[in-house]
Amino acid sequence: MSEFLPSVGFIAAIILILVIIVIFIVLKSKKEGRYKEPNYYVFFTLGICFLGSGSVFMITSSNPVFMGITCLGIVYMIIGLYHRDKWGN
């Protein structure tokens, strides 16, 4: 178990750095007035694709890692459905 901790820490550090970079870019875009609201219909469509592909891969390969793709699909679908009124924009 302990031999995996350095790699997990390294991956977590990379993810944290990427999140900070994305937040910085979004805040800078909002400040300059170039920020455009995301297309929530695409979130819904990606959610359907990730949910289907994650479920199929999880069942056929018996690998629980693909449950993450399935959960990501569910989250994307929820985000898309929550902002359904903004689909036309």
Protein backbone atom coordinates (compact mmCIF):
# COMPACT_ATOMS: atom_id res chain seq x y z
CA MET A 1 0.00 0.00 0.00
CA SER A 2 2.76 2.44 0.87
CA GLU A 3 4.53 2.09 -2.50
CA PHE A 4 1.53 3.69 -4.22
CA LEU A 5 1.45 6.79 -2.02
CA PRO A 6 4.15 8.76 -3.90
CA SER A 7 2.39 8.23 -7.24
CA VAL A 8 -0.99 9.17 -5.77
CA GLY A 9 0.52 12.31 -4.28
CA PHE A 10 2.12 13.19 -7.61
CA ILE A 11 -1.16 12.75 -9.48
CA ALA A 12 -3.03 14.76 -6.85
CA ALA A 13 -0.47 17.57 -7.14
CA ILE A 14 -0.83 17.66 -10.93
CA ILE A 15 -4.63 17.77 -10.66
CA LEU A 16 -4.42 20.57 -8.09
CA ILE A 17 -2.10 22.60 -10.33
CA LEU A 18 -4.44 22.13 -13.31
CA VAL A 19 -7.47 23.23 -11.26
CA ILE A 20 -5.64 26.35 -10.11
CA ILE A 21 -4.67 27.17 -13.72
CA VAL A 22 -8.27 26.73 -14.92
CA ILE A 23 -9.62 28.93 -12.12
CA PHE A 24 -7.04 31.60 -12.97
CA ILE A 25 -7.98 31.53 -16.67
CA VAL A 26 -11.72 31.73 -15.96
CA LEU A 27 -11.31 34.62 -13.53
CA LYS A 28 -9.08 36.48 -15.99
CA SER A 29 -11.59 35.96 -18.80
CA LYS A 30 -14.45 37.23 -16.65
CA LYS A 31 -12.44 40.27 -15.69
CA GLU A 32 -11.72 41.14 -19.33
CA GLY A 33 -15.31 40.51 -20.41
CA ARG A 34 -14.47 37.60 -22.71
CA TYR A 35 -16.15 34.94 -20.58
CA LYS A 36 -18.82 33.00 -22.41
CA GLU A 37 -21.26 30.76 -20.55
CA PRO A 38 -20.82 27.06 -21.30
CA ASN A 39 -23.17 25.14 -23.56
CA TYR A 40 -25.11 23.01 -21.08
CA TYR A 41 -26.66 20.88 -23.80
CA VAL A 42 -23.16 19.56 -24.50
CA PHE A 43 -22.83 18.61 -20.83
CA PHE A 44 -26.03 16.59 -21.13
CA THR A 45 -24.90 14.92 -24.36
CA LEU A 46 -21.48 14.06 -22.92
CA GLY A 47 -23.22 12.69 -19.85
CA ILE A 48 -25.23 10.28 -21.98
CA CYS A 49 -22.08 9.18 -23.84
CA PHE A 50 -19.99 8.71 -20.68
CA LEU A 51 -22.80 6.91 -18.88
CA GLY A 52 -23.27 4.44 -21.74
CA SER A 53 -19.62 3.81 -22.48
CA GLY A 54 -18.65 3.58 -18.81
CA SER A 55 -21.41 1.07 -18.12
CA VAL A 56 -20.51 -1.09 -21.11
CA PHE A 57 -16.78 -1.09 -20.32
CA MET A 58 -17.42 -1.78 -16.65
CA ILE A 59 -19.63 -4.79 -17.41
CA THR A 60 -17.53 -6.27 -20.21
CA SER A 61 -14.12 -5.88 -18.57
CA SER A 62 -15.17 -6.46 -14.93
CA ASN A 63 -12.97 -3.50 -14.04
CA PRO A 64 -14.40 -1.18 -11.37
CA VAL A 65 -12.24 1.71 -12.64
CA PHE A 66 -14.82 2.37 -15.34
CA MET A 67 -17.33 3.17 -12.61
CA GLY A 68 -15.64 6.58 -12.50
CA ILE A 69 -16.58 7.21 -16.13
CA THR A 70 -20.14 6.14 -15.35
CA CYS A 71 -20.30 8.50 -12.36
CA LEU A 72 -18.84 11.32 -14.45
CA GLY A 73 -21.61 10.73 -17.00
CA ILE A 74 -24.24 10.95 -14.28
CA VAL A 75 -22.74 14.21 -12.97
CA TYR A 76 -22.61 15.71 -16.47
CA MET A 77 -26.22 14.75 -17.09
CA ILE A 78 -27.29 16.35 -13.81
CA ILE A 79 -25.43 19.57 -14.67
CA GLY A 80 -27.02 19.64 -18.13
CA LEU A 81 -30.51 18.96 -16.85
CA TYR A 82 -30.19 21.50 -14.05
CA HIS A 83 -29.44 24.22 -16.63
CA ARG A 84 -32.02 23.01 -19.15
CA ASP A 85 -33.45 26.52 -19.50
CA LYS A 86 -30.11 27.69 -20.97
CA TRP A 87 -29.90 25.05 -23.71
CA GLY A 88 -31.04 27.41 -26.46
CA ASN A 89 -28.36 30.00 -25.69
